[in-house]
Amino acid sequence: QGQLVESGGGSVQAGGTLRLSCAASGIPFGFVAMGWFRQSPGMQRELVAGIASGHNRRYADSVKGRFTISRDIRKNTWYLDMNDLKPEDTAVYYCAARKTSGGPWDYWGQGTQVTVSS
């Protein structure tokens, strides 16, 4: 059974940086897209950043210019570099992957807490 394992969350002050990592293991097929979602208490889970197999990237408006998604195909790992963090970025962050374009997100990480203090 495949899984995604996240790492890199933590607590920082506003203006700080964090890097989240998501390592995929035991998943036999390539992904067409990988992404990072986040969810705050009482809020719906939202897509923060996504990267497709053709290297196309997209970002939520709230993080454009501050967050960068990237991937290392050899390591089957993708990353979210978060700069100039703001208190409103505080959330549980989840990585996800899907095998079909436009289809459901098939795999999810366990979630990692990011807390930004003012």
C-alpha atoms as a PDB file:
ATOM      1  CA  GLN A   1       0.000   0.000   0.000  1.00  0.00           C
ATOM      2  CA  GLY A   2       1.489   3.301  -1.038  1.00  0.00           C
ATOM      3  CA  GLN A   3       1.881   6.202   1.284  1.00  0.00           C
ATOM      4  CA  LEU A   4       2.980   9.785   1.426  1.00  0.00           C
ATOM      5  CA  VAL A   5       5.112  10.885   4.347  1.00  0.00           C
ATOM      6  CA  GLU A   6       5.412  14.556   5.171  1.00  0.00           C
ATOM      7  CA  SER A   7       8.039  16.376   7.155  1.00  0.00           C
ATOM      8  CA  GLY A   8       9.167  19.905   7.856  1.00  0.00           C
ATOM      9  CA  GLY A   9       6.333  21.585   9.706  1.00  0.00           C
ATOM     10  CA  GLY A  10       6.885  23.665  12.796  1.00  0.00           C
ATOM     11  CA  SER A  11       6.508  27.038  14.446  1.00  0.00           C
ATOM     12  CA  VAL A  12       8.024  30.251  13.143  1.00  0.00           C
ATOM     13  CA  GLN A  13       7.559  33.949  13.557  1.00  0.00           C
ATOM     14  CA  ALA A  14       5.974  36.083  10.893  1.00  0.00           C
ATOM     15  CA  GLY A  15       8.394  36.680   8.046  1.00  0.00           C
ATOM     16  CA  GLY A  16      10.104  33.352   8.602  1.00  0.00           C
ATOM     17  CA  THR A  17      10.590  30.421   6.265  1.00  0.00           C
ATOM     18  CA  LEU A  18       9.830  26.722   6.296  1.00  0.00           C
ATOM     19  CA  ARG A  19      10.262  23.885   3.853  1.00  0.00           C
ATOM     20  CA  LEU A  20       7.814  21.013   3.740  1.00  0.00           C
ATOM     21  CA  SER A  21       8.737  17.706   2.135  1.00  0.00           C
ATOM     22  CA  CYS A  22       6.546  14.879   0.912  1.00  0.00           C
ATOM     23  CA  ALA A  23       8.094  11.515   0.110  1.00  0.00           C
ATOM     24  CA  ALA A  24       6.125   8.892  -1.765  1.00  0.00           C
ATOM     25  CA  SER A  25       6.803   5.219  -1.206  1.00  0.00           C
ATOM     26  CA  GLY A  26       5.261   1.977  -2.337  1.00  0.00           C
ATOM     27  CA  ILE A  27       3.252   3.610  -5.096  1.00  0.00           C
ATOM     28  CA  PRO A  28       3.885   1.778  -8.357  1.00  0.00           C
ATOM     29  CA  PHE A  29       2.555   4.297 -10.859  1.00  0.00           C
ATOM     30  CA  GLY A  30       3.694   7.780 -11.703  1.00  0.00           C
ATOM     31  CA  PHE A  31       1.632  10.758 -10.708  1.00  0.00           C
ATOM     32  CA  VAL A  32       0.213  13.255 -13.135  1.00  0.00           C
ATOM     33  CA  ALA A  33       0.021  15.890 -10.427  1.00  0.00           C
ATOM     34  CA  MET A  34       1.228  16.569  -6.911  1.00  0.00           C
ATOM     35  CA  GLY A  35       0.014  19.229  -4.579  1.00  0.00           C
ATOM     36  CA  TRP A  36      -0.067  20.840  -1.181  1.00  0.00           C
ATOM     37  CA  PHE A  37      -3.296  21.610   0.628  1.00  0.00           C
ATOM     38  CA  ARG A  38      -3.934  23.265   3.962  1.00  0.00           C
ATOM     39  CA  GLN A  39      -6.753  23.371   6.430  1.00  0.00           C
ATOM     40  CA  SER A  40      -7.342  25.737   9.317  1.00  0.00           C
ATOM     41  CA  PRO A  41      -9.865  25.089  12.106  1.00  0.00           C
ATOM     42  CA  GLY A  42     -13.382  25.704  10.856  1.00  0.00           C
ATOM     43  CA  MET A  43     -12.201  26.186   7.282  1.00  0.00           C
ATOM     44  CA  GLN A  44     -12.386  23.992   4.221  1.00  0.00           C
ATOM     45  CA  ARG A  45      -9.271  22.341   2.929  1.00  0.00           C
ATOM     46  CA  GLU A  46      -7.788  24.452   0.152  1.00  0.00           C
ATOM     47  CA  LEU A  47      -5.245  23.821  -2.559  1.00  0.00           C
ATOM     48  CA  VAL A  48      -2.178  25.935  -1.867  1.00  0.00           C
ATOM     49  CA  ALA A  49       0.107  24.816  -4.692  1.00  0.00           C
ATOM     50  CA  GLY A  50       0.147  22.168  -7.377  1.00  0.00           C
ATOM     51  CA  ILE A  51       2.597  20.862  -9.931  1.00  0.00           C
ATOM     52  CA  ALA A  52       1.740  18.727 -12.929  1.00  0.00           C
ATOM     53  CA  SER A  53       3.890  16.221 -14.755  1.00  0.00           C
ATOM     54  CA  GLY A  54       4.555  18.829 -17.428  1.00  0.00           C
ATOM     55  CA  HIS A  55       6.074  21.092 -14.766  1.00  0.00           C
ATOM     56  CA  ASN A  56       3.101  23.452 -14.838  1.00  0.00           C
ATOM     57  CA  ARG A  57       2.658  25.047 -11.459  1.00  0.00           C
ATOM     58  CA  ARG A  58      -0.262  26.875  -9.931  1.00  0.00           C
ATOM     59  CA  TYR A  59      -0.713  28.671  -6.645  1.00  0.00           C
ATOM     60  CA  ALA A  60      -3.482  30.050  -4.528  1.00  0.00           C
ATOM     61  CA  ASP A  61      -3.592  33.833  -4.809  1.00  0.00           C
ATOM     62  CA  SER A  62      -2.846  34.149  -1.104  1.00  0.00           C
ATOM     63  CA  VAL A  63       0.579  32.521  -1.465  1.00  0.00           C
ATOM     64  CA  LYS A  64       1.740  33.658  -4.897  1.00  0.00           C
ATOM     65  CA  GLY A  65       5.217  35.113  -4.743  1.00  0.00           C
ATOM     66  CA  ARG A  66       5.856  33.596  -1.317  1.00  0.00           C
ATOM     67  CA  PHE A  67       5.488  29.833  -1.763  1.00  0.00           C
ATOM     68  CA  THR A  68       7.220  27.608  -4.304  1.00  0.00           C
ATOM     69  CA  ILE A  69       6.393  24.011  -5.135  1.00  0.00           C
ATOM     70  CA  SER A  70       9.076  21.784  -6.615  1.00  0.00           C
ATOM     71  CA  ARG A  71       9.833  18.140  -7.018  1.00  0.00           C
ATOM     72  CA  ASP A  72      12.700  15.697  -7.256  1.00  0.00           C
ATOM     73  CA  ILE A  73      11.612  12.882  -9.547  1.00  0.00           C
ATOM     74  CA  ARG A  74      14.574  10.671  -8.660  1.00  0.00           C
ATOM     75  CA  LYS A  75      13.621  10.810  -4.986  1.00  0.00           C
ATOM     76  CA  ASN A  76       9.878  10.679  -5.661  1.00  0.00           C
ATOM     77  CA  THR A  77       9.631  13.660  -3.364  1.00  0.00           C
ATOM     78  CA  TRP A  78       8.112  17.106  -3.671  1.00  0.00           C
ATOM     79  CA  TYR A  79       8.546  20.210  -1.615  1.00  0.00           C
ATOM     80  CA  LEU A  80       6.853  23.389  -0.565  1.00  0.00           C
ATOM     81  CA  ASP A  81       9.179  26.278   0.195  1.00  0.00           C
ATOM     82  CA  MET A  82       7.339  28.875   2.214  1.00  0.00           C
ATOM     83  CA  ASN A  83       8.825  32.348   2.575  1.00  0.00           C
ATOM     84  CA  ASP A  84       7.583  35.491   4.295  1.00  0.00           C
ATOM     85  CA  LEU A  85       5.165  33.448   6.334  1.00  0.00           C
ATOM     86  CA  LYS A  86       2.155  35.204   7.807  1.00  0.00           C
ATOM     87  CA  PRO A  87      -0.051  34.293  10.763  1.00  0.00           C
ATOM     88  CA  GLU A  88      -2.859  33.507   8.321  1.00  0.00           C
ATOM     89  CA  ASP A  89      -0.692  30.721   6.880  1.00  0.00           C
ATOM     90  CA  THR A  90      -1.160  28.806  10.117  1.00  0.00           C
ATOM     91  CA  ALA A  91      -2.789  25.490   9.259  1.00  0.00           C
ATOM     92  CA  VAL A  92      -2.284  21.785   8.915  1.00  0.00           C
ATOM     93  CA  TYR A  93      -0.617  21.190   5.571  1.00  0.00           C
ATOM     94  CA  TYR A  94      -1.230  18.032   3.553  1.00  0.00           C
ATOM     95  CA  CYS A  95       0.538  16.761   0.488  1.00  0.00           C
ATOM     96  CA  ALA A  96      -1.431  14.862  -2.103  1.00  0.00           C
ATOM     97  CA  ALA A  97      -0.962  13.113  -5.424  1.00  0.00           C
ATOM     98  CA  ARG A  98      -3.193  11.865  -8.188  1.00  0.00           C
ATOM     99  CA  LYS A  99      -2.741   9.506 -11.085  1.00  0.00           C
ATOM    100  CA  THR A 100      -5.275  10.863 -13.533  1.00  0.00           C
ATOM    101  CA  SER A 101      -5.564  14.373 -14.896  1.00  0.00           C
ATOM    102  CA  GLY A 102      -8.597  16.074 -13.421  1.00  0.00           C
ATOM    103  CA  GLY A 103      -9.372  13.059 -11.281  1.00  0.00           C
ATOM    104  CA  PRO A 104      -9.558  12.713  -7.523  1.00  0.00           C
ATOM    105  CA  TRP A 105      -6.511  13.049  -5.321  1.00  0.00           C
ATOM    106  CA  ASP A 106      -5.647   9.418  -4.741  1.00  0.00           C
ATOM    107  CA  TYR A 107      -3.043   9.689  -2.010  1.00  0.00           C
ATOM    108  CA  TRP A 108      -2.745  11.951   1.000  1.00  0.00           C
ATOM    109  CA  GLY A 109      -0.074  12.600   3.564  1.00  0.00           C
ATOM    110  CA  GLN A 110      -0.775  12.534   7.273  1.00  0.00           C
ATOM    111  CA  GLY A 111      -0.609  16.301   7.646  1.00  0.00           C
ATOM    112  CA  THR A 112       1.936  18.532   9.316  1.00  0.00           C
ATOM    113  CA  GLN A 113       1.242  21.561  11.486  1.00  0.00           C
ATOM    114  CA  VAL A 114       2.573  24.958  10.504  1.00  0.00           C
ATOM    115  CA  THR A 115       2.160  27.718  13.072  1.00  0.00           C
ATOM    116  CA  VAL A 116       3.140  31.308  12.371  1.00  0.00           C
ATOM    117  CA  SER A 117       3.156  33.758  15.257  1.00  0.00           C
ATOM    118  CA  SER A 118       2.959  37.512  14.915  1.00  0.00           C
END
